[in-house]
Amino acid sequence: MPTYHVISTRTENSNTPEHGCGDYPKQISYIAMTVTAETVRKAQNKAKKINPSLWFGGRFGYRILTDAQLAEQPWIRTSAYGPRIGSITN
């Protein structure tokens, strides 16, 4: 069965000129949860059973990616404050 990753986003905003005085916060995407399922929809259902507060779709909803899609986006972090996926070496 394929592995799916639930991607969440948090924002950093220091209200300084670096972030446009609060108008342009830095958005950090990270892996919130990993589930295995047959399809994307079943992976979403499994994730919602684990954490009912998740929602998919909409402007600020959680995203769900496969391993291949995750490899194409190296800026996504392994945790909210962890290293980026592209910076991990085996």
C-alpha atoms as a PDB file:
ATOM      1  CA  MET A   1       0.000   0.000   0.000  1.00  0.00           C
ATOM      2  CA  PRO A   2       1.243   3.488  -0.767  1.00  0.00           C
ATOM      3  CA  THR A   3       2.317   5.887   1.958  1.00  0.00           C
ATOM      4  CA  TYR A   4       0.631   9.280   2.176  1.00  0.00           C
ATOM      5  CA  HIS A   5       1.854  12.296   4.135  1.00  0.00           C
ATOM      6  CA  VAL A   6      -0.486  14.895   5.630  1.00  0.00           C
ATOM      7  CA  ILE A   7       1.116  18.321   5.173  1.00  0.00           C
ATOM      8  CA  SER A   8       0.342  21.201   7.523  1.00  0.00           C
ATOM      9  CA  THR A   9       1.490  24.819   7.438  1.00  0.00           C
ATOM     10  CA  ARG A  10       2.478  27.165  10.227  1.00  0.00           C
ATOM     11  CA  THR A  11       3.387  30.831   9.924  1.00  0.00           C
ATOM     12  CA  GLU A  12       6.150  32.947  11.417  1.00  0.00           C
ATOM     13  CA  ASN A  13       5.549  36.653  11.685  1.00  0.00           C
ATOM     14  CA  SER A  14       7.835  38.951  13.617  1.00  0.00           C
ATOM     15  CA  ASN A  15       5.984  42.107  12.518  1.00  0.00           C
ATOM     16  CA  THR A  16       9.244  43.576  11.224  1.00  0.00           C
ATOM     17  CA  PRO A  17      10.312  44.781   7.763  1.00  0.00           C
ATOM     18  CA  GLU A  18      11.649  41.256   7.116  1.00  0.00           C
ATOM     19  CA  HIS A  19       8.041  40.027   6.985  1.00  0.00           C
ATOM     20  CA  GLY A  20       6.586  43.201   5.438  1.00  0.00           C
ATOM     21  CA  CYS A  21       5.532  44.581   8.842  1.00  0.00           C
ATOM     22  CA  GLY A  22       3.145  41.677   9.272  1.00  0.00           C
ATOM     23  CA  ASP A  23       1.682  41.602   5.761  1.00  0.00           C
ATOM     24  CA  TYR A  24       3.856  38.749   4.428  1.00  0.00           C
ATOM     25  CA  PRO A  25       4.433  36.075   7.090  1.00  0.00           C
ATOM     26  CA  LYS A  26       6.833  33.228   6.426  1.00  0.00           C
ATOM     27  CA  GLN A  27       4.919  29.999   5.807  1.00  0.00           C
ATOM     28  CA  ILE A  28       6.566  26.727   6.824  1.00  0.00           C
ATOM     29  CA  SER A  29       5.134  23.434   5.544  1.00  0.00           C
ATOM     30  CA  TYR A  30       5.794  20.265   7.533  1.00  0.00           C
ATOM     31  CA  ILE A  31       4.680  16.636   7.743  1.00  0.00           C
ATOM     32  CA  ALA A  32       1.936  16.453  10.362  1.00  0.00           C
ATOM     33  CA  MET A  33       1.137  12.742   9.946  1.00  0.00           C
ATOM     34  CA  THR A  34       1.963   9.734   7.777  1.00  0.00           C
ATOM     35  CA  VAL A  35      -0.590   7.045   6.901  1.00  0.00           C
ATOM     36  CA  THR A  36      -0.726   4.053   4.578  1.00  0.00           C
ATOM     37  CA  ALA A  37      -3.851   3.410   2.539  1.00  0.00           C
ATOM     38  CA  GLU A  38      -5.008   2.174  -0.856  1.00  0.00           C
ATOM     39  CA  THR A  39      -6.182   5.556  -2.188  1.00  0.00           C
ATOM     40  CA  VAL A  40      -5.880   9.244  -1.349  1.00  0.00           C
ATOM     41  CA  ARG A  41      -9.461   9.382  -0.113  1.00  0.00           C
ATOM     42  CA  LYS A  42      -8.956   6.391   2.196  1.00  0.00           C
ATOM     43  CA  ALA A  43      -5.765   8.019   3.514  1.00  0.00           C
ATOM     44  CA  GLN A  44      -7.752  11.170   4.292  1.00  0.00           C
ATOM     45  CA  ASN A  45     -10.366   9.093   6.135  1.00  0.00           C
ATOM     46  CA  LYS A  46      -7.677   7.317   8.181  1.00  0.00           C
ATOM     47  CA  ALA A  47      -6.042  10.623   9.086  1.00  0.00           C
ATOM     48  CA  LYS A  48      -9.404  12.085  10.163  1.00  0.00           C
ATOM     49  CA  LYS A  49     -10.048   9.062  12.387  1.00  0.00           C
ATOM     50  CA  ILE A  50      -6.688   9.651  14.101  1.00  0.00           C
ATOM     51  CA  ASN A  51      -7.209  13.412  14.417  1.00  0.00           C
ATOM     52  CA  PRO A  52     -10.812  14.581  13.820  1.00  0.00           C
ATOM     53  CA  SER A  53      -9.772  18.254  13.669  1.00  0.00           C
ATOM     54  CA  LEU A  54      -8.082  17.766  10.258  1.00  0.00           C
ATOM     55  CA  TRP A  55      -9.750  19.086   7.111  1.00  0.00           C
ATOM     56  CA  PHE A  56      -8.714  18.739   3.493  1.00  0.00           C
ATOM     57  CA  GLY A  57      -9.403  21.299   0.817  1.00  0.00           C
ATOM     58  CA  GLY A  58     -10.220  24.941   1.128  1.00  0.00           C
ATOM     59  CA  ARG A  59      -7.802  27.812   1.394  1.00  0.00           C
ATOM     60  CA  PHE A  60      -6.024  26.791   4.603  1.00  0.00           C
ATOM     61  CA  GLY A  61      -6.730  23.051   4.630  1.00  0.00           C
ATOM     62  CA  TYR A  62      -4.236  20.265   5.080  1.00  0.00           C
ATOM     63  CA  ARG A  63      -2.682  18.750   1.963  1.00  0.00           C
ATOM     64  CA  ILE A  64      -1.958  15.094   1.328  1.00  0.00           C
ATOM     65  CA  LEU A  65       1.041  13.959  -0.738  1.00  0.00           C
ATOM     66  CA  THR A  66       2.552  10.653  -1.840  1.00  0.00           C
ATOM     67  CA  ASP A  67       6.232   9.805  -1.376  1.00  0.00           C
ATOM     68  CA  ALA A  68       6.971  10.811  -4.984  1.00  0.00           C
ATOM     69  CA  GLN A  69       5.212  14.161  -4.617  1.00  0.00           C
ATOM     70  CA  LEU A  70       6.992  14.788  -1.327  1.00  0.00           C
ATOM     71  CA  ALA A  71      10.388  14.157  -2.964  1.00  0.00           C
ATOM     72  CA  GLU A  72       9.613  16.892  -5.511  1.00  0.00           C
ATOM     73  CA  GLN A  73       9.106  19.456  -2.714  1.00  0.00           C
ATOM     74  CA  PRO A  74      12.336  19.520  -0.645  1.00  0.00           C
ATOM     75  CA  TRP A  75      11.302  22.643   1.317  1.00  0.00           C
ATOM     76  CA  ILE A  76       8.762  20.647   3.354  1.00  0.00           C
ATOM     77  CA  ARG A  77      10.107  19.890   6.833  1.00  0.00           C
ATOM     78  CA  THR A  78       9.936  16.597   8.711  1.00  0.00           C
ATOM     79  CA  SER A  79       8.333  18.331  11.718  1.00  0.00           C
ATOM     80  CA  ALA A  80       7.117  21.822  12.610  1.00  0.00           C
ATOM     81  CA  TYR A  81      10.557  22.857  13.845  1.00  0.00           C
ATOM     82  CA  GLY A  82      12.699  20.129  12.285  1.00  0.00           C
ATOM     83  CA  PRO A  83      15.073  20.102   9.302  1.00  0.00           C
ATOM     84  CA  ARG A  84      13.965  20.286   5.701  1.00  0.00           C
ATOM     85  CA  ILE A  85      13.649  17.023   3.799  1.00  0.00           C
ATOM     86  CA  GLY A  86      16.275  18.110   1.261  1.00  0.00           C
ATOM     87  CA  SER A  87      18.805  18.665   4.052  1.00  0.00           C
ATOM     88  CA  ILE A  88      18.598  15.091   5.396  1.00  0.00           C
ATOM     89  CA  THR A  89      21.433  12.858   4.260  1.00  0.00           C
ATOM     90  CA  ASN A  90      21.519   9.080   4.548  1.00  0.00           C
END
